[in-house]
Amino acid sequence: MKISAPLLTLGSDPEPTFTDNGLMVKFRAAENHNRNVGTKDNPEWKQVGTSWFNFTAFDDTAEKVLNELEKGDGFRLKAGKHSKKNIGTKEKPNVVNNYIIYEFEKYERQREQQR
């Protein structure tokens, strides 16, 4: 059985920063949680929650993010191409859902043709 990565949606435009070590891009993305409130034969999906994540990309990946993604775009992380980075501060000692990404795939939504 093939398990696909969840579809994430950018909640903000990527913010570039130039550091001594090169280009860094930060952005937020959400994963919507849906539940079937219909039947197996006649599914009806309802959004029941959203999880937010903070992402950071560097160098070539950062450049790709800037060139390919903007607020509202969907993307999927490639398996094994991200790492969780929990950095605590005095104000927020247990910051969670921070990731460094190394590779992703843009998700092209198929638009319904209007007649």
PDB file of N, CA and C in Angstrom:
ATOM      1  N   MET A   1       0.843  -1.166   0.000  1.00  0.00           N
ATOM      2  CA  MET A   1       0.000   0.000   0.000  1.00  0.00           C
ATOM      3  C   MET A   1       0.896   1.239   0.000  1.00  0.00           C
ATOM      4  N   LYS A   2       0.651   2.154  -0.907  1.00  0.00           N
ATOM      5  CA  LYS A   2       1.432   3.372  -0.990  1.00  0.00           C
ATOM      6  C   LYS A   2       0.758   4.457  -0.144  1.00  0.00           C
ATOM      7  N   ILE A   3       1.520   5.061   0.731  1.00  0.00           N
ATOM      8  CA  ILE A   3       0.996   6.130   1.571  1.00  0.00           C
ATOM      9  C   ILE A   3       1.527   7.448   1.029  1.00  0.00           C
ATOM     10  N   SER A   4       0.633   8.353   0.727  1.00  0.00           N
ATOM     11  CA  SER A   4       1.077   9.639   0.191  1.00  0.00           C
ATOM     12  C   SER A   4       1.202  10.650   1.320  1.00  0.00           C
ATOM     13  N   ALA A   5       2.075  11.613   1.108  1.00  0.00           N
ATOM     14  CA  ALA A   5       2.257  12.684   2.085  1.00  0.00           C
ATOM     15  C   ALA A   5       1.022  13.569   2.084  1.00  0.00           C
ATOM     16  N   PRO A   6       0.686  14.154   3.222  1.00  0.00           N
ATOM     17  CA  PRO A   6      -0.496  15.015   3.264  1.00  0.00           C
ATOM     18  C   PRO A   6      -0.306  16.252   2.394  1.00  0.00           C
ATOM     19  N   LEU A   7      -1.406  16.729   1.874  1.00  0.00           N
ATOM     20  CA  LEU A   7      -1.393  17.963   1.097  1.00  0.00           C
ATOM     21  C   LEU A   7      -1.355  19.134   2.072  1.00  0.00           C
ATOM     22  N   LEU A   8      -0.381  19.994   1.883  1.00  0.00           N
ATOM     23  CA  LEU A   8      -0.243  21.197   2.704  1.00  0.00           C
ATOM     24  C   LEU A   8      -0.552  22.405   1.838  1.00  0.00           C
ATOM     25  N   THR A   9      -1.095  23.451   2.442  1.00  0.00           N
ATOM     26  CA  THR A   9      -1.433  24.671   1.730  1.00  0.00           C
ATOM     27  C   THR A   9      -0.716  25.845   2.380  1.00  0.00           C
ATOM     28  N   LEU A  10      -0.030  26.629   1.560  1.00  0.00           N
ATOM     29  CA  LEU A  10       0.677  27.789   2.098  1.00  0.00           C
ATOM     30  C   LEU A  10      -0.309  28.801   2.663  1.00  0.00           C
ATOM     31  N   GLY A  11      -0.076  29.201   3.901  1.00  0.00           N
ATOM     32  CA  GLY A  11      -0.930  30.185   4.552  1.00  0.00           C
ATOM     33  C   GLY A  11      -0.350  31.580   4.465  1.00  0.00           C
ATOM     34  N   SER A  12       0.874  31.684   3.980  1.00  0.00           N
ATOM     35  CA  SER A  12       1.516  32.988   3.822  1.00  0.00           C
ATOM     36  C   SER A  12       2.516  32.896   2.680  1.00  0.00           C
ATOM     37  N   ASP A  13       2.815  34.023   2.076  1.00  0.00           N
ATOM     38  CA  ASP A  13       3.853  34.039   1.050  1.00  0.00           C
ATOM     39  C   ASP A  13       5.201  33.756   1.714  1.00  0.00           C
ATOM     40  N   PRO A  14       6.083  33.040   1.033  1.00  0.00           N
ATOM     41  CA  PRO A  14       7.412  32.773   1.588  1.00  0.00           C
ATOM     42  C   PRO A  14       8.176  34.079   1.836  1.00  0.00           C
ATOM     43  N   GLU A  15       8.860  34.148   2.975  1.00  0.00           N
ATOM     44  CA  GLU A  15       9.620  35.338   3.353  1.00  0.00           C
ATOM     45  C   GLU A  15      11.114  35.056   3.232  1.00  0.00           C
ATOM     46  N   PRO A  16      11.770  35.663   2.230  1.00  0.00           N
ATOM     47  CA  PRO A  16      13.210  35.420   2.061  1.00  0.00           C
ATOM     48  C   PRO A  16      14.048  36.262   3.022  1.00  0.00           C
ATOM     49  N   THR A  17      15.148  35.679   3.451  1.00  0.00           N
ATOM     50  CA  THR A  17      16.134  36.364   4.270  1.00  0.00           C
ATOM     51  C   THR A  17      17.506  35.980   3.735  1.00  0.00           C
ATOM     52  N   PHE A  18      18.366  36.954   3.605  1.00  0.00           N
ATOM     53  CA  PHE A  18      19.727  36.667   3.152  1.00  0.00           C
ATOM     54  C   PHE A  18      20.642  36.697   4.366  1.00  0.00           C
ATOM     55  N   THR A  19      21.322  35.578   4.604  1.00  0.00           N
ATOM     56  CA  THR A  19      22.211  35.444   5.749  1.00  0.00           C
ATOM     57  C   THR A  19      23.647  35.323   5.253  1.00  0.00           C
ATOM     58  N   ASP A  20      24.587  35.292   6.178  1.00  0.00           N
ATOM     59  CA  ASP A  20      25.991  35.093   5.819  1.00  0.00           C
ATOM     60  C   ASP A  20      26.205  33.738   5.138  1.00  0.00           C
ATOM     61  N   ASN A  21      25.316  32.786   5.431  1.00  0.00           N
ATOM     62  CA  ASN A  21      25.436  31.447   4.861  1.00  0.00           C
ATOM     63  C   ASN A  21      24.620  31.257   3.588  1.00  0.00           C
ATOM     64  N   GLY A  22      23.885  32.286   3.146  1.00  0.00           N
ATOM     65  CA  GLY A  22      23.098  32.166   1.922  1.00  0.00           C
ATOM     66  C   GLY A  22      21.634  32.494   2.137  1.00  0.00           C
ATOM     67  N   LEU A  23      20.818  32.061   1.195  1.00  0.00           N
ATOM     68  CA  LEU A  23      19.388  32.352   1.196  1.00  0.00           C
ATOM     69  C   LEU A  23      18.634  31.421   2.147  1.00  0.00           C
ATOM     70  N   MET A  24      17.705  32.013   2.907  1.00  0.00           N
ATOM     71  CA  MET A  24      16.836  31.266   3.802  1.00  0.00           C
ATOM     72  C   MET A  24      15.414  31.769   3.566  1.00  0.00           C
ATOM     73  N   VAL A  25      14.440  30.864   3.507  1.00  0.00           N
ATOM     74  CA  VAL A  25      13.044  31.232   3.302  1.00  0.00           C
ATOM     75  C   VAL A  25      12.213  30.597   4.403  1.00  0.00           C
ATOM     76  N   LYS A  26      11.320  31.394   4.984  1.00  0.00           N
ATOM     77  CA  LYS A  26      10.400  30.879   6.006  1.00  0.00           C
ATOM     78  C   LYS A  26       8.971  31.088   5.517  1.00  0.00           C
ATOM     79  N   PHE A  27       8.104  30.130   5.860  1.00  0.00           N
ATOM     80  CA  PHE A  27       6.687  30.265   5.530  1.00  0.00           C
ATOM     81  C   PHE A  27       5.868  29.336   6.407  1.00  0.00           C
ATOM     82  N   ARG A  28       4.559  29.604   6.443  1.00  0.00           N
ATOM     83  CA  ARG A  28       3.613  28.781   7.209  1.00  0.00           C
ATOM     84  C   ARG A  28       2.721  28.028   6.237  1.00  0.00           C
ATOM     85  N   ALA A  29       2.344  26.822   6.641  1.00  0.00           N
ATOM     86  CA  ALA A  29       1.442  26.019   5.823  1.00  0.00           C
ATOM     87  C   ALA A  29       0.496  25.247   6.733  1.00  0.00           C
ATOM     88  N   ALA A  30      -0.659  24.903   6.178  1.00  0.00           N
ATOM     89  CA  ALA A  30      -1.687  24.210   6.942  1.00  0.00           C
ATOM     90  C   ALA A  30      -2.031  22.872   6.307  1.00  0.00           C
ATOM     91  N   GLU A  31      -2.421  21.945   7.152  1.00  0.00           N
ATOM     92  CA  GLU A  31      -2.984  20.672   6.706  1.00  0.00           C
ATOM     93  C   GLU A  31      -4.403  20.605   7.238  1.00  0.00           C
ATOM     94  N   ASN A  32      -5.374  20.477   6.332  1.00  0.00           N
ATOM     95  CA  ASN A  32      -6.774  20.367   6.745  1.00  0.00           C
ATOM     96  C   ASN A  32      -7.095  18.916   7.058  1.00  0.00           C
ATOM     97  N   HIS A  33      -7.884  18.711   8.101  1.00  0.00           N
ATOM     98  CA  HIS A  33      -8.320  17.375   8.494  1.00  0.00           C
ATOM     99  C   HIS A  33      -9.793  17.240   8.132  1.00  0.00           C
ATOM    100  N   ASN A  34     -10.101  16.239   7.320  1.00  0.00           N
ATOM    101  CA  ASN A  34     -11.464  16.040   6.852  1.00  0.00           C
ATOM    102  C   ASN A  34     -11.994  14.685   7.317  1.00  0.00           C
ATOM    103  N   ARG A  35     -13.311  14.628   7.486  1.00  0.00           N
ATOM    104  CA  ARG A  35     -13.963  13.388   7.888  1.00  0.00           C
ATOM    105  C   ARG A  35     -15.169  13.155   6.988  1.00  0.00           C
ATOM    106  N   ASN A  36     -15.388  11.907   6.642  1.00  0.00           N
ATOM    107  CA  ASN A  36     -16.547  11.546   5.842  1.00  0.00           C
ATOM    108  C   ASN A  36     -17.769  11.516   6.750  1.00  0.00           C
ATOM    109  N   VAL A  37     -18.714  12.444   6.523  1.00  0.00           N
ATOM    110  CA  VAL A  37     -19.952  12.479   7.299  1.00  0.00           C
ATOM    111  C   VAL A  37     -21.096  11.868   6.502  1.00  0.00           C
ATOM    112  N   GLY A  38     -20.773  11.379   5.314  1.00  0.00           N
ATOM    113  CA  GLY A  38     -21.759  10.696   4.479  1.00  0.00           C
ATOM    114  C   GLY A  38     -21.631   9.190   4.647  1.00  0.00           C
ATOM    115  N   THR A  39     -21.909   8.477   3.585  1.00  0.00           N
ATOM    116  CA  THR A  39     -21.799   7.027   3.599  1.00  0.00           C
ATOM    117  C   THR A  39     -20.619   6.595   2.745  1.00  0.00           C
ATOM    118  N   LYS A  40     -20.314   5.311   2.798  1.00  0.00           N
ATOM    119  CA  LYS A  40     -19.214   4.782   1.991  1.00  0.00           C
ATOM    120  C   LYS A  40     -19.526   4.947   0.502  1.00  0.00           C
ATOM    121  N   ASP A  41     -20.761   4.713   0.132  1.00  0.00           N
ATOM    122  CA  ASP A  41     -21.166   4.818  -1.271  1.00  0.00           C
ATOM    123  C   ASP A  41     -21.417   6.256  -1.709  1.00  0.00           C
ATOM    124  N   ASN A  42     -21.746   7.117  -0.777  1.00  0.00           N
ATOM    125  CA  ASN A  42     -22.033   8.518  -1.098  1.00  0.00           C
ATOM    126  C   ASN A  42     -21.296   9.415  -0.098  1.00  0.00           C
ATOM    127  N   PRO A  43     -19.970   9.517  -0.262  1.00  0.00           N
ATOM    128  CA  PRO A  43     -19.187  10.275   0.726  1.00  0.00           C
ATOM    129  C   PRO A  43     -19.498  11.778   0.684  1.00  0.00           C
ATOM    130  N   GLU A  44     -19.472  12.352   1.855  1.00  0.00           N
ATOM    131  CA  GLU A  44     -19.629  13.801   1.998  1.00  0.00           C
ATOM    132  C   GLU A  44     -18.586  14.246   3.017  1.00  0.00           C
ATOM    133  N   TRP A  45     -17.595  14.992   2.525  1.00  0.00           N
ATOM    134  CA  TRP A  45     -16.457  15.346   3.364  1.00  0.00           C
ATOM    135  C   TRP A  45     -16.684  16.670   4.070  1.00  0.00           C
ATOM    136  N   LYS A  46     -16.327  16.695   5.355  1.00  0.00           N
ATOM    137  CA  LYS A  46     -16.456  17.905   6.169  1.00  0.00           C
ATOM    138  C   LYS A  46     -15.112  18.178   6.830  1.00  0.00           C
ATOM    139  N   GLN A  47     -14.675  19.439   6.769  1.00  0.00           N
ATOM    140  CA  GLN A  47     -13.427  19.808   7.427  1.00  0.00           C
ATOM    141  C   GLN A  47     -13.658  19.852   8.931  1.00  0.00           C
ATOM    142  N   VAL A  48     -12.823  19.127   9.678  1.00  0.00           N
ATOM    143  CA  VAL A  48     -13.011  19.039  11.124  1.00  0.00           C
ATOM    144  C   VAL A  48     -11.854  19.644  11.913  1.00  0.00           C
ATOM    145  N   GLY A  49     -10.849  20.140  11.228  1.00  0.00           N
ATOM    146  CA  GLY A  49      -9.734  20.757  11.937  1.00  0.00           C
ATOM    147  C   GLY A  49      -8.607  21.122  10.991  1.00  0.00           C
ATOM    148  N   THR A  50      -7.662  21.884  11.509  1.00  0.00           N
ATOM    149  CA  THR A  50      -6.506  22.324  10.736  1.00  0.00           C
ATOM    150  C   THR A  50      -5.283  22.312  11.637  1.00  0.00           C
ATOM    151  N   SER A  51      -4.174  21.809  11.109  1.00  0.00           N
ATOM    152  CA  SER A  51      -2.886  21.879  11.810  1.00  0.00           C
ATOM    153  C   SER A  51      -1.986  22.831  11.052  1.00  0.00           C
ATOM    154  N   TRP A  52      -1.288  23.709  11.783  1.00  0.00           N
ATOM    155  CA  TRP A  52      -0.381  24.683  11.172  1.00  0.00           C
ATOM    156  C   TRP A  52       1.056  24.280  11.440  1.00  0.00           C
ATOM    157  N   PHE A  53       1.905  24.526  10.439  1.00  0.00           N
ATOM    158  CA  PHE A  53       3.322  24.176  10.533  1.00  0.00           C
ATOM    159  C   PHE A  53       4.171  25.355  10.066  1.00  0.00           C
ATOM    160  N   ASN A  54       5.337  25.507  10.665  1.00  0.00           N
ATOM    161  CA  ASN A  54       6.319  26.508  10.251  1.00  0.00           C
ATOM    162  C   ASN A  54       7.422  25.779   9.488  1.00  0.00           C
ATOM    163  N   PHE A  55       7.796  26.332   8.329  1.00  0.00           N
ATOM    164  CA  PHE A  55       8.822  25.713   7.507  1.00  0.00           C
ATOM    165  C   PHE A  55       9.958  26.687   7.253  1.00  0.00           C
ATOM    166  N   THR A  56      11.158  26.131   7.123  1.00  0.00           N
ATOM    167  CA  THR A  56      12.337  26.884   6.732  1.00  0.00           C
ATOM    168  C   THR A  56      13.039  26.097   5.632  1.00  0.00           C
ATOM    169  N   ALA A  57      13.448  26.799   4.589  1.00  0.00           N
ATOM    170  CA  ALA A  57      14.199  26.174   3.497  1.00  0.00           C
ATOM    171  C   ALA A  57      15.454  26.997   3.252  1.00  0.00           C
ATOM    172  N   PHE A  58      16.520  26.331   2.805  1.00  0.00           N
ATOM    173  CA  PHE A  58      17.799  26.984   2.572  1.00  0.00           C
ATOM    174  C   PHE A  58      18.274  26.783   1.135  1.00  0.00           C
ATOM    175  N   ASP A  59      19.082  27.704   0.670  1.00  0.00           N
ATOM    176  CA  ASP A  59      19.828  27.612  -0.591  1.00  0.00           C
ATOM    177  C   ASP A  59      18.941  27.242  -1.783  1.00  0.00           C
ATOM    178  N   ASP A  60      19.250  26.131  -2.480  1.00  0.00           N
ATOM    179  CA  ASP A  60      18.510  25.762  -3.692  1.00  0.00           C
ATOM    180  C   ASP A  60      17.034  25.513  -3.412  1.00  0.00           C
ATOM    181  N   THR A  61      16.739  24.864  -2.284  1.00  0.00           N
ATOM    182  CA  THR A  61      15.339  24.612  -1.940  1.00  0.00           C
ATOM    183  C   THR A  61      14.623  25.923  -1.668  1.00  0.00           C
ATOM    184  N   ALA A  62      15.291  26.856  -1.003  1.00  0.00           N
ATOM    185  CA  ALA A  62      14.696  28.169  -0.733  1.00  0.00           C
ATOM    186  C   ALA A  62      14.386  28.897  -2.033  1.00  0.00           C
ATOM    187  N   GLU A  63      15.307  28.826  -2.971  1.00  0.00           N
ATOM    188  CA  GLU A  63      15.099  29.461  -4.271  1.00  0.00           C
ATOM    189  C   GLU A  63      13.914  28.822  -5.004  1.00  0.00           C
ATOM    190  N   LYS A  64      13.814  27.496  -4.923  1.00  0.00           N
ATOM    191  CA  LYS A  64      12.699  26.788  -5.559  1.00  0.00           C
ATOM    192  C   LYS A  64      11.366  27.193  -4.917  1.00  0.00           C
ATOM    193  N   VAL A  65      11.348  27.312  -3.597  1.00  0.00           N
ATOM    194  CA  VAL A  65      10.130  27.755  -2.905  1.00  0.00           C
ATOM    195  C   VAL A  65       9.720  29.135  -3.403  1.00  0.00           C
ATOM    196  N   LEU A  66      10.674  30.063  -3.462  1.00  0.00           N
ATOM    197  CA  LEU A  66      10.365  31.423  -3.918  1.00  0.00           C
ATOM    198  C   LEU A  66       9.851  31.457  -5.353  1.00  0.00           C
ATOM    199  N   ASN A  67      10.405  30.606  -6.216  1.00  0.00           N
ATOM    200  CA  ASN A  67      10.028  30.598  -7.627  1.00  0.00           C
ATOM    201  C   ASN A  67       8.723  29.861  -7.906  1.00  0.00           C
ATOM    202  N   GLU A  68       8.364  28.882  -7.060  1.00  0.00           N
ATOM    203  CA  GLU A  68       7.231  28.013  -7.381  1.00  0.00           C
ATOM    204  C   GLU A  68       6.011  28.164  -6.489  1.00  0.00           C
ATOM    205  N   LEU A  69       6.184  28.674  -5.271  1.00  0.00           N
ATOM    206  CA  LEU A  69       5.063  28.681  -4.335  1.00  0.00           C
ATOM    207  C   LEU A  69       4.679  30.084  -3.895  1.00  0.00           C
ATOM    208  N   GLU A  70       3.373  30.271  -3.719  1.00  0.00           N
ATOM    209  CA  GLU A  70       2.853  31.512  -3.136  1.00  0.00           C
ATOM    210  C   GLU A  70       1.654  31.155  -2.268  1.00  0.00           C
ATOM    211  N   LYS A  71       1.196  32.109  -1.490  1.00  0.00           N
ATOM    212  CA  LYS A  71       0.080  31.883  -0.579  1.00  0.00           C
ATOM    213  C   LYS A  71      -1.075  31.209  -1.313  1.00  0.00           C
ATOM    214  N   GLY A  72      -1.602  30.142  -0.711  1.00  0.00           N
ATOM    215  CA  GLY A  72      -2.724  29.417  -1.290  1.00  0.00           C
ATOM    216  C   GLY A  72      -2.336  28.198  -2.104  1.00  0.00           C
ATOM    217  N   ASP A  73      -1.063  28.088  -2.504  1.00  0.00           N
ATOM    218  CA  ASP A  73      -0.608  26.940  -3.281  1.00  0.00           C
ATOM    219  C   ASP A  73      -0.523  25.696  -2.403  1.00  0.00           C
ATOM    220  N   GLY A  74      -0.744  24.552  -3.026  1.00  0.00           N
ATOM    221  CA  GLY A  74      -0.613  23.286  -2.327  1.00  0.00           C
ATOM    222  C   GLY A  74       0.722  22.640  -2.654  1.00  0.00           C
ATOM    223  N   PHE A  75       1.253  21.864  -1.717  1.00  0.00           N
ATOM    224  CA  PHE A  75       2.493  21.124  -1.950  1.00  0.00           C
ATOM    225  C   PHE A  75       2.542  19.921  -1.025  1.00  0.00           C
ATOM    226  N   ARG A  76       3.402  18.980  -1.385  1.00  0.00           N
ATOM    227  CA  ARG A  76       3.638  17.800  -0.563  1.00  0.00           C
ATOM    228  C   ARG A  76       5.140  17.691  -0.306  1.00  0.00           C
ATOM    229  N   LEU A  77       5.496  17.305   0.911  1.00  0.00           N
ATOM    230  CA  LEU A  77       6.894  17.055   1.225  1.00  0.00           C
ATOM    231  C   LEU A  77       7.283  15.708   0.656  1.00  0.00           C
ATOM    232  N   LYS A  78       8.502  15.589   0.162  1.00  0.00           N
ATOM    233  CA  LYS A  78       8.991  14.290  -0.304  1.00  0.00           C
ATOM    234  C   LYS A  78       9.474  13.496   0.902  1.00  0.00           C
ATOM    235  N   ALA A  79       9.194  12.216   0.898  1.00  0.00           N
ATOM    236  CA  ALA A  79       9.532  11.346   2.022  1.00  0.00           C
ATOM    237  C   ALA A  79      11.012  11.452   2.374  1.00  0.00           C
ATOM    238  N   GLY A  80      11.278  11.635   3.644  1.00  0.00           N
ATOM    239  CA  GLY A  80      12.653  11.695   4.116  1.00  0.00           C
ATOM    240  C   GLY A  80      13.380  12.976   3.757  1.00  0.00           C
ATOM    241  N   LYS A  81      12.673  13.941   3.201  1.00  0.00           N
ATOM    242  CA  LYS A  81      13.320  15.178   2.756  1.00  0.00           C
ATOM    243  C   LYS A  81      12.942  16.367   3.626  1.00  0.00           C
ATOM    244  N   HIS A  82      12.697  16.098   4.903  1.00  0.00           N
ATOM    245  CA  HIS A  82      12.441  17.176   5.849  1.00  0.00           C
ATOM    246  C   HIS A  82      12.869  16.682   7.237  1.00  0.00           C
ATOM    247  N   SER A  83      13.075  17.600   8.141  1.00  0.00           N
ATOM    248  CA  SER A  83      13.408  17.220   9.500  1.00  0.00           C
ATOM    249  C   SER A  83      12.699  18.159  10.460  1.00  0.00           C
ATOM    250  N   LYS A  84      12.285  17.605  11.582  1.00  0.00           N
ATOM    251  CA  LYS A  84      11.584  18.400  12.583  1.00  0.00           C
ATOM    252  C   LYS A  84      12.615  19.140  13.418  1.00  0.00           C
ATOM    253  N   LYS A  85      12.335  20.396  13.671  1.00  0.00           N
ATOM    254  CA  LYS A  85      13.271  21.225  14.427  1.00  0.00           C
ATOM    255  C   LYS A  85      12.470  21.934  15.510  1.00  0.00           C
ATOM    256  N   ASN A  86      12.556  21.451  16.724  1.00  0.00           N
ATOM    257  CA  ASN A  86      11.863  22.100  17.832  1.00  0.00           C
ATOM    258  C   ASN A  86      12.853  22.981  18.575  1.00  0.00           C
ATOM    259  N   ILE A  87      12.650  24.265  18.453  1.00  0.00           N
ATOM    260  CA  ILE A  87      13.539  25.214  19.112  1.00  0.00           C
ATOM    261  C   ILE A  87      12.741  25.941  20.183  1.00  0.00           C
ATOM    262  N   GLY A  88      13.186  25.835  21.383  1.00  0.00           N
ATOM    263  CA  GLY A  88      12.511  26.518  22.466  1.00  0.00           C
ATOM    264  C   GLY A  88      13.151  27.865  22.752  1.00  0.00           C
ATOM    265  N   THR A  89      12.352  28.788  23.233  1.00  0.00           N
ATOM    266  CA  THR A  89      12.847  30.091  23.671  1.00  0.00           C
ATOM    267  C   THR A  89      12.338  30.325  25.085  1.00  0.00           C
ATOM    268  N   LYS A  90      12.778  31.382  25.677  1.00  0.00           N
ATOM    269  CA  LYS A  90      12.323  31.694  27.023  1.00  0.00           C
ATOM    270  C   LYS A  90      10.811  31.931  27.037  1.00  0.00           C
ATOM    271  N   GLU A  91      10.313  32.610  25.974  1.00  0.00           N
ATOM    272  CA  GLU A  91       8.894  32.924  25.889  1.00  0.00           C
ATOM    273  C   GLU A  91       8.064  31.699  25.502  1.00  0.00           C
ATOM    274  N   LYS A  92       8.614  30.859  24.632  1.00  0.00           N
ATOM    275  CA  LYS A  92       7.915  29.661  24.160  1.00  0.00           C
ATOM    276  C   LYS A  92       8.854  28.463  24.307  1.00  0.00           C
ATOM    277  N   PRO A  93       8.903  27.850  25.476  1.00  0.00           N
ATOM    278  CA  PRO A  93       9.893  26.805  25.718  1.00  0.00           C
ATOM    279  C   PRO A  93       9.681  25.532  24.895  1.00  0.00           C
ATOM    280  N   ASN A  94       8.484  25.276  24.425  1.00  0.00           N
ATOM    281  CA  ASN A  94       8.222  24.042  23.679  1.00  0.00           C
ATOM    282  C   ASN A  94       7.584  24.340  22.334  1.00  0.00           C
ATOM    283  N   VAL A  95       8.310  25.039  21.474  1.00  0.00           N
ATOM    284  CA  VAL A  95       7.796  25.339  20.141  1.00  0.00           C
ATOM    285  C   VAL A  95       7.780  24.036  19.355  1.00  0.00           C
ATOM    286  N   VAL A  96       6.642  23.728  18.748  1.00  0.00           N
ATOM    287  CA  VAL A  96       6.530  22.502  17.967  1.00  0.00           C
ATOM    288  C   VAL A  96       6.111  22.829  16.541  1.00  0.00           C
ATOM    289  N   ASN A  97       6.108  21.821  15.698  1.00  0.00           N
ATOM    290  CA  ASN A  97       5.692  21.954  14.310  1.00  0.00           C
ATOM    291  C   ASN A  97       6.591  22.886  13.506  1.00  0.00           C
ATOM    292  N   ASN A  98       7.872  22.886  13.789  1.00  0.00           N
ATOM    293  CA  ASN A  98       8.856  23.608  12.991  1.00  0.00           C
ATOM    294  C   ASN A  98       9.643  22.592  12.181  1.00  0.00           C
ATOM    295  N   TYR A  99       9.721  22.804  10.872  1.00  0.00           N
ATOM    296  CA  TYR A  99      10.391  21.849  10.004  1.00  0.00           C
ATOM    297  C   TYR A  99      11.373  22.560   9.079  1.00  0.00           C
ATOM    298  N   ILE A 100      12.466  21.882   8.788  1.00  0.00           N
ATOM    299  CA  ILE A 100      13.370  22.300   7.731  1.00  0.00           C
ATOM    300  C   ILE A 100      13.071  21.379   6.561  1.00  0.00           C
ATOM    301  N   ILE A 101      12.783  21.947   5.390  1.00  0.00           N
ATOM    302  CA  ILE A 101      12.485  21.101   4.245  1.00  0.00           C
ATOM    303  C   ILE A 101      13.658  21.097   3.275  1.00  0.00           C
ATOM    304  N   TYR A 102      13.838  19.958   2.625  1.00  0.00           N
ATOM    305  CA  TYR A 102      14.922  19.781   1.671  1.00  0.00           C
ATOM    306  C   TYR A 102      14.407  19.561   0.258  1.00  0.00           C
ATOM    307  N   GLU A 103      13.178  19.060   0.147  1.00  0.00           N
ATOM    308  CA  GLU A 103      12.618  18.816  -1.171  1.00  0.00           C
ATOM    309  C   GLU A 103      11.100  18.718  -1.047  1.00  0.00           C
ATOM    310  N   PHE A 104      10.389  19.202  -2.071  1.00  0.00           N
ATOM    311  CA  PHE A 104       8.933  19.162  -2.065  1.00  0.00           C
ATOM    312  C   PHE A 104       8.436  19.050  -3.499  1.00  0.00           C
ATOM    313  N   GLU A 105       7.163  18.747  -3.644  1.00  0.00           N
ATOM    314  CA  GLU A 105       6.509  18.732  -4.943  1.00  0.00           C
ATOM    315  C   GLU A 105       5.319  19.666  -4.887  1.00  0.00           C
ATOM    316  N   LYS A 106       5.229  20.570  -5.844  1.00  0.00           N
ATOM    317  CA  LYS A 106       4.073  21.447  -5.919  1.00  0.00           C
ATOM    318  C   LYS A 106       2.880  20.613  -6.351  1.00  0.00           C
ATOM    319  N   TYR A 107       1.748  20.870  -5.743  1.00  0.00           N
ATOM    320  CA  TYR A 107       0.522  20.155  -6.064  1.00  0.00           C
ATOM    321  C   TYR A 107      -0.304  21.032  -6.980  1.00  0.00           C
ATOM    322  N   GLU A 108      -0.548  20.546  -8.175  1.00  0.00           N
ATOM    323  CA  GLU A 108      -1.345  21.295  -9.148  1.00  0.00           C
ATOM    324  C   GLU A 108      -2.791  20.860  -9.008  1.00  0.00           C
ATOM    325  N   ARG A 109      -3.619  21.760  -8.506  1.00  0.00           N
ATOM    326  CA  ARG A 109      -5.044  21.449  -8.373  1.00  0.00           C
ATOM    327  C   ARG A 109      -5.678  21.439  -9.753  1.00  0.00           C
ATOM    328  N   GLN A 110      -6.499  20.458  -9.994  1.00  0.00           N
ATOM    329  CA  GLN A 110      -7.208  20.410 -11.264  1.00  0.00           C
ATOM    330  C   GLN A 110      -8.450  21.276 -11.132  1.00  0.00           C
ATOM    331  N   ARG A 111      -8.534  22.247 -11.987  1.00  0.00           N
ATOM    332  CA  ARG A 111      -9.661  23.183 -11.941  1.00  0.00           C
ATOM    333  C   ARG A 111     -10.809  22.646 -12.789  1.00  0.00           C
ATOM    334  N   GLU A 112     -12.008  22.806 -12.253  1.00  0.00           N
ATOM    335  CA  GLU A 112     -13.179  22.383 -13.004  1.00  0.00           C
ATOM    336  C   GLU A 112     -13.419  23.353 -14.145  1.00  0.00           C
ATOM    337  N   GLN A 113     -13.742  22.815 -15.277  1.00  0.00           N
ATOM    338  CA  GLN A 113     -14.020  23.659 -16.423  1.00  0.00           C
ATOM    339  C   GLN A 113     -15.418  24.234 -16.301  1.00  0.00           C
ATOM    340  N   GLN A 114     -15.505  25.531 -16.453  1.00  0.00           N
ATOM    341  CA  GLN A 114     -16.819  26.186 -16.408  1.00  0.00           C
ATOM    342  C   GLN A 114     -17.398  26.215 -17.807  1.00  0.00           C
ATOM    343  N   ARG A 115     -18.657  25.894 -17.910  1.00  0.00           N
ATOM    344  CA  ARG A 115     -19.317  25.863 -19.221  1.00  0.00           C
ATOM    345  C   ARG A 115     -20.295  26.981 -19.336  1.00  0.00           C
TER     346      ARG A 115
END
